[in-house]
Amino acid sequence: MENKRRFKKARIRDVIGSSFTGYLEASFKDLVAEFGEPRWRSKEGSWHSSDQKVRCEWALKIGSGKRRLVFTIYDYKEVRPIEEIDLWHVGAKGDARQLERIFSGGKV
């Protein structure tokens, strides 16, 4: 995941309509180094989402117009401490080719 692109934090309304795309093998530490702190993260052991399925999520966007991509990385139904997670869910909306380039080498 050696990515030098500039990502903007996505707003909640940007993420609406995104859907599960695949998985990403990465440590929490590597994700923070690459994308910064998650958009939100709950205290250990508690759920952030109202459906009690997600505790930590990055929501990012890149590009514009037809080449715009919104993607999320999150810990769906994970019970291990967030710092121990090494397989994350990825959701996306937009230009899927950009997603493949962003995660080249990852399993998306």
N, C-alpha and C. Protein backbone atom coordinates (compact mmCIF):
# COMPACT_ATOMS: atom_id res chain seq x y z
N MET A 1 0.83 -1.19 0.00
CA MET A 1 0.00 0.00 0.00
C MET A 1 0.87 1.25 0.00
N GLU A 2 1.73 1.38 -0.92
CA GLU A 2 2.55 2.58 -0.97
C GLU A 2 1.85 3.60 -1.84
N ASN A 3 1.05 4.42 -1.22
CA ASN A 3 0.21 5.35 -1.95
C ASN A 3 0.52 6.78 -1.55
N LYS A 4 0.84 7.60 -2.53
CA LYS A 4 1.17 8.99 -2.25
C LYS A 4 0.07 9.94 -2.72
N ARG A 5 -1.10 9.44 -2.99
CA ARG A 5 -2.22 10.27 -3.44
C ARG A 5 -2.78 11.07 -2.28
N ARG A 6 -3.45 12.12 -2.62
CA ARG A 6 -4.09 12.95 -1.60
C ARG A 6 -5.56 12.56 -1.48
N PHE A 7 -5.91 12.10 -0.33
CA PHE A 7 -7.29 11.72 -0.07
C PHE A 7 -7.95 12.80 0.77
N LYS A 8 -9.23 12.99 0.56
CA LYS A 8 -10.02 13.87 1.40
C LYS A 8 -10.91 13.00 2.25
N LYS A 9 -11.21 13.46 3.43
CA LYS A 9 -12.15 12.72 4.27
C LYS A 9 -13.54 12.83 3.65
N ALA A 10 -14.20 11.71 3.53
CA ALA A 10 -15.56 11.69 2.98
C ALA A 10 -16.56 12.03 4.08
N ARG A 11 -17.60 12.71 3.70
CA ARG A 11 -18.68 13.00 4.63
C ARG A 11 -19.64 11.82 4.65
N ILE A 12 -20.49 11.79 5.64
CA ILE A 12 -21.46 10.71 5.75
C ILE A 12 -22.31 10.62 4.49
N ARG A 13 -22.74 11.76 3.97
CA ARG A 13 -23.57 11.72 2.76
C ARG A 13 -22.80 11.22 1.54
N ASP A 14 -21.47 11.38 1.52
CA ASP A 14 -20.66 10.86 0.41
C ASP A 14 -20.69 9.33 0.39
N VAL A 15 -20.76 8.73 1.56
CA VAL A 15 -20.66 7.28 1.69
C VAL A 15 -21.98 6.58 1.36
N ILE A 16 -23.09 7.28 1.44
CA ILE A 16 -24.39 6.68 1.15
C ILE A 16 -24.38 6.09 -0.26
N GLY A 17 -24.76 4.84 -0.36
CA GLY A 17 -24.78 4.16 -1.65
C GLY A 17 -23.54 3.33 -1.93
N SER A 18 -22.55 3.41 -1.03
CA SER A 18 -21.38 2.56 -1.21
C SER A 18 -21.73 1.14 -0.78
N SER A 19 -20.96 0.18 -1.27
CA SER A 19 -21.25 -1.20 -0.90
C SER A 19 -19.97 -2.00 -0.78
N PHE A 20 -20.07 -3.11 -0.10
CA PHE A 20 -18.92 -3.99 0.12
C PHE A 20 -18.30 -4.38 -1.21
N THR A 21 -16.97 -4.26 -1.28
CA THR A 21 -16.24 -4.55 -2.51
C THR A 21 -15.25 -5.70 -2.31
N GLY A 22 -14.68 -5.81 -1.13
CA GLY A 22 -13.69 -6.86 -0.90
C GLY A 22 -13.00 -6.67 0.43
N TYR A 23 -11.83 -7.25 0.52
CA TYR A 23 -11.06 -7.23 1.76
C TYR A 23 -9.70 -6.59 1.53
N LEU A 24 -9.13 -6.09 2.60
CA LEU A 24 -7.79 -5.53 2.55
C LEU A 24 -6.99 -6.09 3.71
N GLU A 25 -5.85 -6.70 3.40
CA GLU A 25 -4.95 -7.19 4.44
C GLU A 25 -4.00 -6.07 4.81
N ALA A 26 -4.12 -5.58 6.04
CA ALA A 26 -3.26 -4.51 6.53
C ALA A 26 -3.42 -4.41 8.04
N SER A 27 -2.39 -3.92 8.69
CA SER A 27 -2.49 -3.70 10.13
C SER A 27 -3.13 -2.34 10.39
N PHE A 28 -3.66 -2.17 11.57
CA PHE A 28 -4.23 -0.89 11.97
C PHE A 28 -3.15 0.19 11.86
N LYS A 29 -1.96 -0.13 12.32
CA LYS A 29 -0.84 0.81 12.28
C LYS A 29 -0.54 1.25 10.85
N ASP A 30 -0.54 0.32 9.90
CA ASP A 30 -0.27 0.66 8.50
C ASP A 30 -1.37 1.55 7.92
N LEU A 31 -2.62 1.27 8.28
CA LEU A 31 -3.73 2.08 7.79
C LEU A 31 -3.65 3.51 8.32
N VAL A 32 -3.30 3.65 9.59
CA VAL A 32 -3.14 4.99 10.17
C VAL A 32 -2.00 5.72 9.48
N ALA A 33 -0.90 5.02 9.21
CA ALA A 33 0.23 5.65 8.53
C ALA A 33 -0.15 6.11 7.13
N GLU A 34 -0.97 5.34 6.44
CA GLU A 34 -1.34 5.64 5.06
C GLU A 34 -2.47 6.67 4.95
N PHE A 35 -3.50 6.53 5.80
CA PHE A 35 -4.71 7.33 5.65
C PHE A 35 -5.00 8.26 6.83
N GLY A 36 -4.19 8.23 7.86
CA GLY A 36 -4.45 9.04 9.04
C GLY A 36 -5.38 8.30 10.00
N GLU A 37 -5.77 8.97 11.04
CA GLU A 37 -6.67 8.36 12.02
C GLU A 37 -8.02 8.06 11.38
N PRO A 38 -8.70 7.02 11.84
CA PRO A 38 -10.03 6.70 11.29
C PRO A 38 -11.00 7.85 11.48
N ARG A 39 -12.02 7.88 10.62
CA ARG A 39 -13.07 8.89 10.73
C ARG A 39 -13.69 8.82 12.11
N TRP A 40 -13.95 7.64 12.56
CA TRP A 40 -14.40 7.44 13.93
C TRP A 40 -13.95 6.08 14.42
N ARG A 41 -13.80 6.04 15.71
CA ARG A 41 -13.38 4.81 16.38
C ARG A 41 -13.99 4.81 17.76
N SER A 42 -14.62 3.70 18.12
CA SER A 42 -15.23 3.61 19.44
C SER A 42 -14.19 3.16 20.46
N LYS A 43 -14.57 3.23 21.70
CA LYS A 43 -13.71 2.70 22.75
C LYS A 43 -13.66 1.20 22.59
N GLU A 44 -12.57 0.61 22.99
CA GLU A 44 -12.39 -0.83 22.82
C GLU A 44 -13.55 -1.61 23.42
N GLY A 45 -14.07 -2.53 22.63
CA GLY A 45 -15.14 -3.39 23.10
C GLY A 45 -16.54 -2.85 22.85
N SER A 46 -16.66 -1.58 22.54
CA SER A 46 -18.00 -1.05 22.28
C SER A 46 -18.18 -0.81 20.79
N TRP A 47 -19.42 -0.76 20.36
CA TRP A 47 -19.73 -0.59 18.95
C TRP A 47 -20.01 0.87 18.66
N HIS A 48 -19.59 1.32 17.52
CA HIS A 48 -19.89 2.70 17.12
C HIS A 48 -21.18 2.76 16.32
N SER A 49 -21.36 1.82 15.41
CA SER A 49 -22.55 1.86 14.55
C SER A 49 -23.78 1.41 15.32
N SER A 50 -24.92 1.93 14.92
CA SER A 50 -26.16 1.60 15.63
C SER A 50 -26.55 0.14 15.47
N ASP A 51 -26.08 -0.51 14.39
CA ASP A 51 -26.41 -1.93 14.20
C ASP A 51 -25.40 -2.85 14.89
N GLN A 52 -24.47 -2.29 15.63
CA GLN A 52 -23.47 -3.02 16.40
C GLN A 52 -22.62 -3.95 15.55
N LYS A 53 -22.18 -3.44 14.39
CA LYS A 53 -21.36 -4.24 13.50
C LYS A 53 -20.02 -3.59 13.16
N VAL A 54 -19.84 -2.32 13.48
CA VAL A 54 -18.61 -1.60 13.14
C VAL A 54 -18.14 -0.76 14.32
N ARG A 55 -16.84 -0.85 14.62
CA ARG A 55 -16.25 -0.04 15.69
C ARG A 55 -15.27 1.00 15.16
N CYS A 56 -14.75 0.78 13.96
CA CYS A 56 -13.70 1.64 13.43
C CYS A 56 -13.89 1.76 11.92
N GLU A 57 -13.75 3.01 11.39
CA GLU A 57 -13.94 3.18 9.95
C GLU A 57 -13.16 4.39 9.43
N TRP A 58 -12.55 4.19 8.26
CA TRP A 58 -12.00 5.28 7.47
C TRP A 58 -12.99 5.51 6.34
N ALA A 59 -13.28 6.74 6.02
CA ALA A 59 -14.14 7.08 4.88
C ALA A 59 -13.41 8.17 4.11
N LEU A 60 -13.01 7.86 2.88
CA LEU A 60 -12.17 8.74 2.09
C LEU A 60 -12.70 8.90 0.68
N LYS A 61 -12.28 9.98 0.03
CA LYS A 61 -12.66 10.19 -1.36
C LYS A 61 -11.47 10.76 -2.12
N ILE A 62 -11.49 10.51 -3.43
CA ILE A 62 -10.45 11.00 -4.31
C ILE A 62 -11.06 11.20 -5.69
N GLY A 63 -10.53 12.16 -6.44
CA GLY A 63 -10.99 12.40 -7.79
C GLY A 63 -12.23 13.26 -7.83
N SER A 64 -12.72 13.47 -9.06
CA SER A 64 -13.92 14.26 -9.25
C SER A 64 -14.66 13.78 -10.49
N GLY A 65 -15.91 14.19 -10.61
CA GLY A 65 -16.72 13.81 -11.77
C GLY A 65 -16.83 12.30 -11.92
N LYS A 66 -16.67 11.83 -13.15
CA LYS A 66 -16.78 10.39 -13.42
C LYS A 66 -15.64 9.59 -12.80
N ARG A 67 -14.55 10.24 -12.48
CA ARG A 67 -13.40 9.55 -11.90
C ARG A 67 -13.39 9.61 -10.38
N ARG A 68 -14.47 10.07 -9.80
CA ARG A 68 -14.55 10.18 -8.34
C ARG A 68 -14.73 8.80 -7.72
N LEU A 69 -14.06 8.61 -6.60
CA LEU A 69 -14.16 7.37 -5.85
C LEU A 69 -14.34 7.70 -4.38
N VAL A 70 -15.30 7.07 -3.76
CA VAL A 70 -15.49 7.14 -2.32
C VAL A 70 -15.29 5.72 -1.82
N PHE A 71 -14.46 5.55 -0.78
CA PHE A 71 -14.27 4.21 -0.24
C PHE A 71 -14.17 4.24 1.27
N THR A 72 -14.52 3.12 1.86
CA THR A 72 -14.47 2.96 3.30
C THR A 72 -13.66 1.71 3.63
N ILE A 73 -13.00 1.77 4.76
CA ILE A 73 -12.27 0.62 5.30
C ILE A 73 -12.79 0.46 6.72
N TYR A 74 -13.25 -0.71 7.07
CA TYR A 74 -13.93 -0.86 8.36
C TYR A 74 -13.81 -2.29 8.90
N ASP A 75 -14.09 -2.43 10.18
CA ASP A 75 -13.93 -3.70 10.91
C ASP A 75 -15.28 -4.40 11.11
N TYR A 76 -15.90 -4.83 10.08
CA TYR A 76 -17.24 -5.42 10.14
C TYR A 76 -17.30 -6.68 11.01
N LYS A 77 -18.10 -6.62 12.05
CA LYS A 77 -18.35 -7.74 12.97
C LYS A 77 -17.08 -8.35 13.56
N GLU A 78 -16.06 -7.55 13.70
CA GLU A 78 -14.79 -8.03 14.24
C GLU A 78 -14.84 -7.95 15.76
N VAL A 79 -14.29 -8.94 16.45
CA VAL A 79 -14.33 -8.94 17.91
C VAL A 79 -12.94 -8.75 18.53
N ARG A 80 -11.89 -8.91 17.75
CA ARG A 80 -10.55 -8.71 18.27
C ARG A 80 -10.31 -7.22 18.55
N PRO A 81 -9.36 -6.89 19.41
CA PRO A 81 -9.02 -5.47 19.59
C PRO A 81 -8.64 -4.86 18.23
N ILE A 82 -9.00 -3.63 18.03
CA ILE A 82 -8.79 -2.96 16.74
C ILE A 82 -7.33 -3.02 16.30
N GLU A 83 -6.41 -2.86 17.24
CA GLU A 83 -4.99 -2.88 16.91
C GLU A 83 -4.50 -4.25 16.43
N GLU A 84 -5.29 -5.30 16.64
CA GLU A 84 -4.91 -6.66 16.23
C GLU A 84 -5.54 -7.09 14.91
N ILE A 85 -6.43 -6.29 14.37
CA ILE A 85 -7.11 -6.67 13.13
C ILE A 85 -6.13 -6.57 11.96
N ASP A 86 -6.15 -7.59 11.09
CA ASP A 86 -5.27 -7.59 9.93
C ASP A 86 -6.03 -7.85 8.63
N LEU A 87 -7.35 -8.01 8.71
CA LEU A 87 -8.18 -8.19 7.53
C LEU A 87 -9.40 -7.28 7.67
N TRP A 88 -9.49 -6.27 6.81
CA TRP A 88 -10.52 -5.24 6.88
C TRP A 88 -11.49 -5.36 5.72
N HIS A 89 -12.70 -4.93 5.92
CA HIS A 89 -13.69 -4.85 4.85
C HIS A 89 -13.49 -3.53 4.11
N VAL A 90 -13.76 -3.55 2.82
CA VAL A 90 -13.66 -2.35 2.00
C VAL A 90 -15.00 -2.16 1.28
N GLY A 91 -15.52 -0.96 1.36
CA GLY A 91 -16.72 -0.59 0.62
C GLY A 91 -16.36 0.51 -0.36
N ALA A 92 -17.10 0.62 -1.45
CA ALA A 92 -16.76 1.65 -2.44
C ALA A 92 -17.97 2.10 -3.22
N LYS A 93 -17.80 3.28 -3.82
CA LYS A 93 -18.78 3.85 -4.73
C LYS A 93 -18.00 4.71 -5.71
N GLY A 94 -18.17 4.43 -6.99
CA GLY A 94 -17.48 5.25 -7.99
C GLY A 94 -16.54 4.44 -8.86
N ASP A 95 -15.46 5.05 -9.29
CA ASP A 95 -14.51 4.49 -10.24
C ASP A 95 -13.72 3.33 -9.62
N ALA A 96 -14.14 2.12 -9.89
CA ALA A 96 -13.53 0.93 -9.30
C ALA A 96 -12.08 0.75 -9.74
N ARG A 97 -11.72 1.25 -10.91
CA ARG A 97 -10.33 1.12 -11.37
C ARG A 97 -9.39 1.87 -10.44
N GLN A 98 -9.84 2.99 -9.91
CA GLN A 98 -9.01 3.73 -8.96
C GLN A 98 -8.80 2.91 -7.69
N LEU A 99 -9.83 2.22 -7.25
CA LEU A 99 -9.72 1.41 -6.06
C LEU A 99 -8.66 0.33 -6.24
N GLU A 100 -8.64 -0.31 -7.40
CA GLU A 100 -7.64 -1.33 -7.68
C GLU A 100 -6.24 -0.74 -7.65
N ARG A 101 -6.06 0.45 -8.19
CA ARG A 101 -4.73 1.09 -8.20
C ARG A 101 -4.31 1.48 -6.80
N ILE A 102 -5.24 1.97 -6.01
CA ILE A 102 -4.92 2.39 -4.63
C ILE A 102 -4.41 1.22 -3.82
N PHE A 103 -5.07 0.08 -3.97
CA PHE A 103 -4.72 -1.09 -3.17
C PHE A 103 -3.92 -2.13 -3.92
N SER A 104 -3.19 -1.74 -4.94
CA SER A 104 -2.40 -2.73 -5.67
C SER A 104 -1.47 -3.42 -4.69
N GLY A 105 -1.50 -4.72 -4.73
CA GLY A 105 -0.74 -5.50 -3.77
C GLY A 105 -1.60 -5.97 -2.61
N GLY A 106 -2.75 -5.30 -2.37
CA GLY A 106 -3.67 -5.73 -1.31
C GLY A 106 -4.70 -6.67 -1.93
N LYS A 107 -5.52 -7.26 -1.11
CA LYS A 107 -6.52 -8.19 -1.60
C LYS A 107 -7.88 -7.52 -1.66
N VAL A 108 -8.06 -6.67 -2.65
CA VAL A 108 -9.35 -6.01 -2.84
C VAL A 108 -9.95 -6.53 -4.12
